[in-house]
Amino acid sequence: MQTYTNKIMAKLVIYVIVFTIFICLITRIMSYFNSNLQQISTTVESNTNYATLNLYLLKTVKTQNVSIKNYGLVDNDDTSSYYITFINADGTTSTFIKIGNIIYFNKIKICENVEEFKIIIDKSEKESFSIEVKILDKVYNSQYALN
């Protein structure tokens, strides 16, 4: 009877050890895929935010008779943020400004998690400007020419 109990106990210990190894292996595989999903999610979020900003800028720039009214750097307490204001022929204005980590178009929030937003104006031949945006550690650069 003692040997039968010893055999059962040995099988039980082996079962627990194999089960623990299996669970550890499954957990390791799941954590690998989870970290990849988080990385993909971050990339998709930053690309989406930049695409939205780019579309708003393109729509504003492609409007006939639009020009840059003013631009610059606004210092608020601990943060500095760039802004650019466009004016249409009819006198309406459109402003892009970074406040905190958000870029606004007038009062509409269009980008989140923005670490940097820089505007560089080039008035050489044709009036144009460039932007440099850093969203979730990914840097985007674009150049726009006014009509």
N, C-alpha and C. Protein backbone atom coordinates (compact mmCIF):
# COMPACT_ATOMS: atom_id res chain seq x y z
N MET A 1 0.81 -1.18 0.00
CA MET A 1 0.00 0.00 0.00
C MET A 1 0.86 1.26 0.00
N GLN A 2 1.98 1.19 0.73
CA GLN A 2 2.88 2.33 0.83
C GLN A 2 3.47 2.67 -0.54
N THR A 3 3.84 1.69 -1.32
CA THR A 3 4.44 1.94 -2.63
C THR A 3 3.41 2.52 -3.59
N TYR A 4 2.15 2.06 -3.46
CA TYR A 4 1.09 2.61 -4.31
C TYR A 4 0.89 4.10 -4.00
N THR A 5 0.89 4.47 -2.75
CA THR A 5 0.75 5.87 -2.34
C THR A 5 1.95 6.68 -2.80
N ASN A 6 3.14 6.12 -2.70
CA ASN A 6 4.35 6.81 -3.16
C ASN A 6 4.30 7.06 -4.67
N LYS A 7 3.80 6.09 -5.42
CA LYS A 7 3.68 6.25 -6.88
C LYS A 7 2.69 7.36 -7.21
N ILE A 8 1.57 7.39 -6.52
CA ILE A 8 0.57 8.43 -6.75
C ILE A 8 1.15 9.81 -6.41
N MET A 9 1.85 9.90 -5.29
CA MET A 9 2.45 11.17 -4.87
C MET A 9 3.51 11.62 -5.88
N ALA A 10 4.31 10.68 -6.39
CA ALA A 10 5.33 11.01 -7.38
C ALA A 10 4.69 11.53 -8.66
N LYS A 11 3.62 10.86 -9.10
CA LYS A 11 2.90 11.29 -10.30
C LYS A 11 2.27 12.67 -10.08
N LEU A 12 1.75 12.90 -8.89
CA LEU A 12 1.14 14.19 -8.58
C LEU A 12 2.19 15.30 -8.59
N VAL A 13 3.34 15.05 -8.03
CA VAL A 13 4.43 16.04 -8.02
C VAL A 13 4.88 16.32 -9.45
N ILE A 14 5.05 15.27 -10.25
CA ILE A 14 5.44 15.45 -11.65
C ILE A 14 4.37 16.25 -12.40
N TYR A 15 3.10 15.94 -12.17
CA TYR A 15 2.00 16.66 -12.80
C TYR A 15 2.05 18.14 -12.43
N VAL A 16 2.25 18.45 -11.17
CA VAL A 16 2.30 19.85 -10.72
C VAL A 16 3.49 20.57 -11.34
N ILE A 17 4.64 19.92 -11.41
CA ILE A 17 5.82 20.54 -12.01
C ILE A 17 5.60 20.79 -13.50
N VAL A 18 5.08 19.81 -14.23
CA VAL A 18 4.81 19.98 -15.66
C VAL A 18 3.77 21.07 -15.89
N PHE A 19 2.73 21.09 -15.08
CA PHE A 19 1.68 22.09 -15.20
C PHE A 19 2.25 23.49 -14.94
N THR A 20 3.11 23.64 -13.94
CA THR A 20 3.72 24.93 -13.63
C THR A 20 4.62 25.40 -14.78
N ILE A 21 5.39 24.50 -15.36
CA ILE A 21 6.24 24.84 -16.50
C ILE A 21 5.38 25.27 -17.68
N PHE A 22 4.29 24.54 -17.93
CA PHE A 22 3.38 24.87 -19.02
C PHE A 22 2.77 26.26 -18.82
N ILE A 23 2.31 26.56 -17.62
CA ILE A 23 1.71 27.86 -17.32
C ILE A 23 2.74 28.98 -17.49
N CYS A 24 3.97 28.76 -17.03
CA CYS A 24 5.03 29.76 -17.19
C CYS A 24 5.32 30.02 -18.67
N LEU A 25 5.33 28.96 -19.47
CA LEU A 25 5.57 29.10 -20.90
C LEU A 25 4.45 29.88 -21.58
N ILE A 26 3.21 29.54 -21.26
CA ILE A 26 2.06 30.25 -21.83
C ILE A 26 2.08 31.73 -21.41
N THR A 27 2.41 32.01 -20.16
CA THR A 27 2.47 33.39 -19.67
C THR A 27 3.54 34.17 -20.41
N ARG A 28 4.67 33.56 -20.63
CA ARG A 28 5.77 34.23 -21.36
C ARG A 28 5.36 34.56 -22.78
N ILE A 29 4.71 33.63 -23.47
CA ILE A 29 4.26 33.85 -24.84
C ILE A 29 3.21 34.96 -24.87
N MET A 30 2.28 34.95 -23.94
CA MET A 30 1.23 35.97 -23.91
C MET A 30 1.80 37.35 -23.62
N SER A 31 2.78 37.45 -22.74
CA SER A 31 3.37 38.76 -22.44
C SER A 31 4.15 39.29 -23.64
N TYR A 32 4.76 38.41 -24.42
CA TYR A 32 5.45 38.82 -25.64
C TYR A 32 4.46 39.44 -26.63
N PHE A 33 3.35 38.76 -26.88
CA PHE A 33 2.36 39.28 -27.82
C PHE A 33 1.69 40.54 -27.28
N ASN A 34 1.47 40.61 -25.98
CA ASN A 34 0.85 41.79 -25.39
C ASN A 34 1.74 43.02 -25.57
N SER A 35 3.05 42.87 -25.37
CA SER A 35 3.95 44.02 -25.55
C SER A 35 3.98 44.46 -27.00
N ASN A 36 3.92 43.51 -27.94
CA ASN A 36 3.86 43.87 -29.35
C ASN A 36 2.56 44.60 -29.68
N LEU A 37 1.46 44.17 -29.11
CA LEU A 37 0.19 44.85 -29.34
C LEU A 37 0.20 46.27 -28.79
N GLN A 38 0.82 46.48 -27.64
CA GLN A 38 0.91 47.82 -27.08
C GLN A 38 1.76 48.71 -27.97
N GLN A 39 2.84 48.18 -28.51
CA GLN A 39 3.71 48.96 -29.40
C GLN A 39 2.95 49.32 -30.68
N ILE A 40 2.22 48.39 -31.24
CA ILE A 40 1.43 48.66 -32.44
C ILE A 40 0.36 49.70 -32.15
N SER A 41 -0.28 49.60 -31.00
CA SER A 41 -1.31 50.56 -30.62
C SER A 41 -0.73 51.97 -30.50
N THR A 42 0.44 52.10 -29.92
CA THR A 42 1.09 53.41 -29.80
C THR A 42 1.44 53.98 -31.17
N THR A 43 1.95 53.15 -32.04
CA THR A 43 2.30 53.59 -33.40
C THR A 43 1.06 54.04 -34.16
N VAL A 44 0.00 53.26 -34.08
CA VAL A 44 -1.25 53.62 -34.77
C VAL A 44 -1.81 54.92 -34.22
N GLU A 45 -1.75 55.10 -32.91
CA GLU A 45 -2.27 56.33 -32.30
C GLU A 45 -1.49 57.55 -32.76
N SER A 46 -0.16 57.46 -32.78
CA SER A 46 0.63 58.62 -33.21
C SER A 46 0.42 58.91 -34.69
N ASN A 47 0.34 57.87 -35.53
CA ASN A 47 0.08 58.08 -36.96
C ASN A 47 -1.29 58.70 -37.19
N THR A 48 -2.28 58.28 -36.44
CA THR A 48 -3.63 58.82 -36.57
C THR A 48 -3.67 60.30 -36.18
N ASN A 49 -3.01 60.63 -35.08
CA ASN A 49 -2.96 62.02 -34.65
C ASN A 49 -2.27 62.90 -35.69
N TYR A 50 -1.15 62.44 -36.23
CA TYR A 50 -0.45 63.22 -37.24
C TYR A 50 -1.27 63.35 -38.51
N ALA A 51 -1.92 62.28 -38.94
CA ALA A 51 -2.74 62.33 -40.15
C ALA A 51 -3.87 63.36 -40.00
N THR A 52 -4.46 63.42 -38.82
CA THR A 52 -5.53 64.40 -38.58
C THR A 52 -4.98 65.82 -38.67
N LEU A 53 -3.85 66.08 -38.04
CA LEU A 53 -3.22 67.39 -38.11
C LEU A 53 -2.88 67.75 -39.55
N ASN A 54 -2.30 66.81 -40.27
CA ASN A 54 -1.92 67.04 -41.66
C ASN A 54 -3.14 67.38 -42.52
N LEU A 55 -4.24 66.67 -42.32
CA LEU A 55 -5.45 66.94 -43.11
C LEU A 55 -6.00 68.33 -42.83
N TYR A 56 -6.03 68.74 -41.56
CA TYR A 56 -6.50 70.08 -41.22
C TYR A 56 -5.60 71.15 -41.83
N LEU A 57 -4.29 70.93 -41.76
CA LEU A 57 -3.36 71.90 -42.35
C LEU A 57 -3.52 71.97 -43.87
N LEU A 58 -3.64 70.81 -44.51
CA LEU A 58 -3.83 70.79 -45.96
C LEU A 58 -5.11 71.50 -46.38
N LYS A 59 -6.19 71.25 -45.64
CA LYS A 59 -7.46 71.90 -45.96
C LYS A 59 -7.33 73.42 -45.82
N THR A 60 -6.65 73.86 -44.79
CA THR A 60 -6.48 75.30 -44.57
C THR A 60 -5.58 75.91 -45.63
N VAL A 61 -4.49 75.25 -45.96
CA VAL A 61 -3.52 75.79 -46.91
C VAL A 61 -4.06 75.81 -48.33
N LYS A 62 -4.87 74.84 -48.69
CA LYS A 62 -5.38 74.74 -50.06
C LYS A 62 -6.56 75.69 -50.33
N THR A 63 -6.99 76.41 -49.33
CA THR A 63 -8.05 77.40 -49.52
C THR A 63 -7.47 78.55 -50.35
N GLN A 64 -8.24 79.04 -51.31
CA GLN A 64 -7.77 80.14 -52.15
C GLN A 64 -7.60 81.41 -51.33
N ASN A 65 -6.56 82.18 -51.67
CA ASN A 65 -6.27 83.48 -51.04
C ASN A 65 -6.09 83.38 -49.53
N VAL A 66 -5.42 82.37 -49.07
CA VAL A 66 -5.09 82.26 -47.65
C VAL A 66 -3.63 82.68 -47.48
N SER A 67 -3.36 83.36 -46.39
CA SER A 67 -1.99 83.76 -46.09
C SER A 67 -1.75 83.65 -44.59
N ILE A 68 -0.50 83.71 -44.23
CA ILE A 68 -0.14 83.63 -42.82
C ILE A 68 -0.34 85.00 -42.20
N LYS A 69 -1.19 85.08 -41.19
CA LYS A 69 -1.44 86.35 -40.51
C LYS A 69 -0.34 86.60 -39.48
N ASN A 70 -0.10 85.62 -38.62
CA ASN A 70 1.00 85.71 -37.66
C ASN A 70 1.35 84.32 -37.16
N TYR A 71 2.49 84.24 -36.55
CA TYR A 71 3.00 82.97 -36.04
C TYR A 71 4.00 83.28 -34.96
N GLY A 72 4.35 82.29 -34.21
CA GLY A 72 5.37 82.52 -33.21
C GLY A 72 5.32 81.54 -32.07
N LEU A 73 5.87 82.02 -30.96
CA LEU A 73 6.01 81.21 -29.77
C LEU A 73 5.30 81.92 -28.64
N VAL A 74 4.43 81.19 -27.95
CA VAL A 74 3.71 81.74 -26.81
C VAL A 74 4.29 81.11 -25.56
N ASP A 75 4.69 81.94 -24.61
CA ASP A 75 5.21 81.44 -23.33
C ASP A 75 4.11 81.51 -22.29
N ASN A 76 3.69 80.36 -21.82
CA ASN A 76 2.69 80.27 -20.76
C ASN A 76 3.29 79.55 -19.58
N ASP A 77 3.46 80.23 -18.48
CA ASP A 77 3.99 79.66 -17.24
C ASP A 77 5.22 78.79 -17.52
N ASP A 78 5.06 77.48 -17.42
CA ASP A 78 6.20 76.57 -17.55
C ASP A 78 6.40 76.06 -18.97
N THR A 79 5.45 76.33 -19.87
CA THR A 79 5.54 75.74 -21.20
C THR A 79 5.62 76.83 -22.26
N SER A 80 6.25 76.50 -23.36
CA SER A 80 6.28 77.36 -24.54
C SER A 80 5.61 76.58 -25.66
N SER A 81 4.79 77.25 -26.44
CA SER A 81 4.12 76.56 -27.52
C SER A 81 4.07 77.43 -28.76
N TYR A 82 4.24 76.78 -29.89
CA TYR A 82 4.16 77.47 -31.16
C TYR A 82 2.71 77.60 -31.60
N TYR A 83 2.46 78.61 -32.41
CA TYR A 83 1.15 78.77 -33.01
C TYR A 83 1.32 79.36 -34.40
N ILE A 84 0.33 79.18 -35.24
CA ILE A 84 0.29 79.82 -36.55
C ILE A 84 -1.16 80.17 -36.84
N THR A 85 -1.37 81.38 -37.33
CA THR A 85 -2.71 81.86 -37.66
C THR A 85 -2.75 82.21 -39.14
N PHE A 86 -3.76 81.71 -39.82
CA PHE A 86 -3.98 81.99 -41.24
C PHE A 86 -5.17 82.93 -41.36
N ILE A 87 -5.16 83.74 -42.41
CA ILE A 87 -6.29 84.62 -42.68
C ILE A 87 -6.73 84.40 -44.13
N ASN A 88 -8.04 84.28 -44.32
CA ASN A 88 -8.61 84.12 -45.66
C ASN A 88 -8.91 85.49 -46.26
N ALA A 89 -9.26 85.50 -47.53
CA ALA A 89 -9.58 86.75 -48.22
C ALA A 89 -10.81 87.41 -47.60
N ASP A 90 -11.73 86.61 -47.05
CA ASP A 90 -12.93 87.18 -46.44
C ASP A 90 -12.71 87.65 -45.00
N GLY A 91 -11.49 87.50 -44.48
CA GLY A 91 -11.16 87.99 -43.15
C GLY A 91 -11.26 86.96 -42.03
N THR A 92 -11.73 85.76 -42.34
CA THR A 92 -11.81 84.73 -41.30
C THR A 92 -10.41 84.19 -41.00
N THR A 93 -10.19 83.82 -39.75
CA THR A 93 -8.88 83.31 -39.35
C THR A 93 -8.99 81.88 -38.86
N SER A 94 -7.89 81.18 -38.98
CA SER A 94 -7.76 79.81 -38.49
C SER A 94 -6.44 79.72 -37.75
N THR A 95 -6.47 79.20 -36.53
CA THR A 95 -5.26 79.12 -35.72
C THR A 95 -4.98 77.69 -35.30
N PHE A 96 -3.73 77.30 -35.43
CA PHE A 96 -3.22 76.03 -34.93
C PHE A 96 -2.30 76.37 -33.77
N ILE A 97 -2.56 75.80 -32.60
CA ILE A 97 -1.75 76.10 -31.43
C ILE A 97 -1.62 74.86 -30.55
N LYS A 98 -0.45 74.71 -29.96
CA LYS A 98 -0.21 73.62 -29.02
C LYS A 98 -0.35 74.18 -27.61
N ILE A 99 -1.26 73.60 -26.85
CA ILE A 99 -1.44 73.96 -25.45
C ILE A 99 -1.30 72.68 -24.64
N GLY A 100 -0.31 72.65 -23.77
CA GLY A 100 -0.03 71.41 -23.04
C GLY A 100 0.51 70.39 -24.01
N ASN A 101 -0.13 69.24 -24.07
CA ASN A 101 0.28 68.21 -25.03
C ASN A 101 -0.79 68.00 -26.11
N ILE A 102 -1.58 69.03 -26.36
CA ILE A 102 -2.67 68.95 -27.33
C ILE A 102 -2.53 70.06 -28.36
N ILE A 103 -2.76 69.74 -29.64
CA ILE A 103 -2.81 70.75 -30.69
C ILE A 103 -4.26 71.03 -31.01
N TYR A 104 -4.60 72.32 -31.02
CA TYR A 104 -5.96 72.76 -31.32
C TYR A 104 -5.99 73.46 -32.67
N PHE A 105 -7.08 73.27 -33.40
CA PHE A 105 -7.40 74.06 -34.58
C PHE A 105 -8.58 74.92 -34.16
N ASN A 106 -8.33 76.22 -34.01
CA ASN A 106 -9.27 77.13 -33.36
C ASN A 106 -9.58 76.55 -31.98
N LYS A 107 -10.76 76.05 -31.73
CA LYS A 107 -11.06 75.46 -30.42
C LYS A 107 -11.30 73.95 -30.51
N ILE A 108 -10.95 73.36 -31.64
CA ILE A 108 -11.16 71.94 -31.86
C ILE A 108 -9.87 71.19 -31.55
N LYS A 109 -9.94 70.19 -30.68
CA LYS A 109 -8.78 69.36 -30.35
C LYS A 109 -8.55 68.38 -31.50
N ILE A 110 -7.36 68.46 -32.12
CA ILE A 110 -7.09 67.57 -33.25
C ILE A 110 -5.95 66.59 -33.00
N CYS A 111 -5.08 66.86 -32.03
CA CYS A 111 -3.94 65.99 -31.74
C CYS A 111 -3.71 65.89 -30.25
N GLU A 112 -3.40 64.68 -29.78
CA GLU A 112 -3.06 64.47 -28.38
C GLU A 112 -1.66 63.88 -28.28
N ASN A 113 -1.12 63.90 -27.07
CA ASN A 113 0.19 63.33 -26.79
C ASN A 113 1.31 63.96 -27.62
N VAL A 114 1.20 65.26 -27.88
CA VAL A 114 2.19 65.98 -28.67
C VAL A 114 3.28 66.48 -27.74
N GLU A 115 4.50 66.05 -27.99
CA GLU A 115 5.62 66.48 -27.18
C GLU A 115 6.24 67.77 -27.72
N GLU A 116 6.31 67.90 -29.04
CA GLU A 116 6.87 69.10 -29.66
C GLU A 116 6.03 69.48 -30.87
N PHE A 117 5.93 70.80 -31.12
CA PHE A 117 5.24 71.33 -32.29
C PHE A 117 5.99 72.59 -32.68
N LYS A 118 6.76 72.51 -33.76
CA LYS A 118 7.56 73.65 -34.22
C LYS A 118 7.10 74.08 -35.60
N ILE A 119 7.14 75.39 -35.83
CA ILE A 119 6.76 75.95 -37.11
C ILE A 119 7.93 76.77 -37.63
N ILE A 120 8.34 76.52 -38.86
CA ILE A 120 9.42 77.26 -39.50
C ILE A 120 8.86 77.90 -40.76
N ILE A 121 8.92 79.23 -40.84
CA ILE A 121 8.39 79.98 -41.98
C ILE A 121 9.50 80.24 -42.98
N ASP A 122 9.19 80.03 -44.28
CA ASP A 122 10.14 80.32 -45.35
C ASP A 122 9.45 81.26 -46.33
N LYS A 123 9.94 82.49 -46.41
CA LYS A 123 9.32 83.49 -47.31
C LYS A 123 10.22 83.80 -48.49
N SER A 124 11.04 82.84 -48.90
CA SER A 124 11.96 83.11 -50.01
C SER A 124 11.17 83.33 -51.31
N GLU A 125 10.92 82.32 -52.09
CA GLU A 125 10.21 82.51 -53.36
C GLU A 125 8.70 82.54 -53.14
N LYS A 126 8.15 81.42 -52.79
CA LYS A 126 6.72 81.30 -52.55
C LYS A 126 6.54 81.12 -51.05
N GLU A 127 5.56 81.79 -50.48
CA GLU A 127 5.36 81.70 -49.04
C GLU A 127 5.05 80.25 -48.65
N SER A 128 5.87 79.71 -47.77
CA SER A 128 5.68 78.34 -47.33
C SER A 128 6.12 78.22 -45.87
N PHE A 129 5.77 77.10 -45.28
CA PHE A 129 6.17 76.84 -43.90
C PHE A 129 6.34 75.34 -43.71
N SER A 130 7.11 75.01 -42.71
CA SER A 130 7.34 73.61 -42.34
C SER A 130 6.90 73.40 -40.91
N ILE A 131 6.49 72.19 -40.61
CA ILE A 131 6.18 71.85 -39.23
C ILE A 131 7.00 70.64 -38.84
N GLU A 132 7.33 70.60 -37.59
CA GLU A 132 7.96 69.42 -37.00
C GLU A 132 7.15 69.06 -35.77
N VAL A 133 6.61 67.86 -35.76
CA VAL A 133 5.75 67.41 -34.68
C VAL A 133 6.32 66.13 -34.11
N LYS A 134 6.38 66.06 -32.79
CA LYS A 134 6.81 64.84 -32.11
C LYS A 134 5.64 64.33 -31.29
N ILE A 135 5.13 63.17 -31.70
CA ILE A 135 3.98 62.56 -31.04
C ILE A 135 4.39 61.17 -30.56
N LEU A 136 4.29 60.95 -29.26
CA LEU A 136 4.63 59.66 -28.65
C LEU A 136 6.01 59.17 -29.13
N ASP A 137 7.00 60.05 -29.05
CA ASP A 137 8.40 59.76 -29.41
C ASP A 137 8.63 59.51 -30.90
N LYS A 138 7.66 59.82 -31.75
CA LYS A 138 7.84 59.67 -33.19
C LYS A 138 7.80 61.06 -33.82
N VAL A 139 8.81 61.39 -34.63
CA VAL A 139 8.93 62.73 -35.20
C VAL A 139 8.40 62.72 -36.63
N TYR A 140 7.58 63.73 -36.95
CA TYR A 140 7.01 63.92 -38.28
C TYR A 140 7.41 65.30 -38.79
N ASN A 141 7.76 65.40 -40.07
CA ASN A 141 8.09 66.67 -40.69
C ASN A 141 7.27 66.82 -41.96
N SER A 142 6.75 68.02 -42.18
CA SER A 142 6.01 68.30 -43.41
C SER A 142 6.26 69.73 -43.83
N GLN A 143 6.15 69.96 -45.12
CA GLN A 143 6.29 71.31 -45.65
C GLN A 143 5.05 71.64 -46.48
N TYR A 144 4.57 72.87 -46.32
CA TYR A 144 3.35 73.30 -46.97
C TYR A 144 3.62 74.61 -47.71
N ALA A 145 3.07 74.74 -48.92
CA ALA A 145 3.19 75.98 -49.71
C ALA A 145 1.81 76.59 -49.84
N LEU A 146 1.74 77.89 -49.66
CA LEU A 146 0.46 78.59 -49.77
C LEU A 146 0.18 78.93 -51.22
N ASN A 147 -1.10 78.92 -51.60
CA ASN A 147 -1.50 79.24 -52.99
C ASN A 147 -1.32 80.69 -53.28
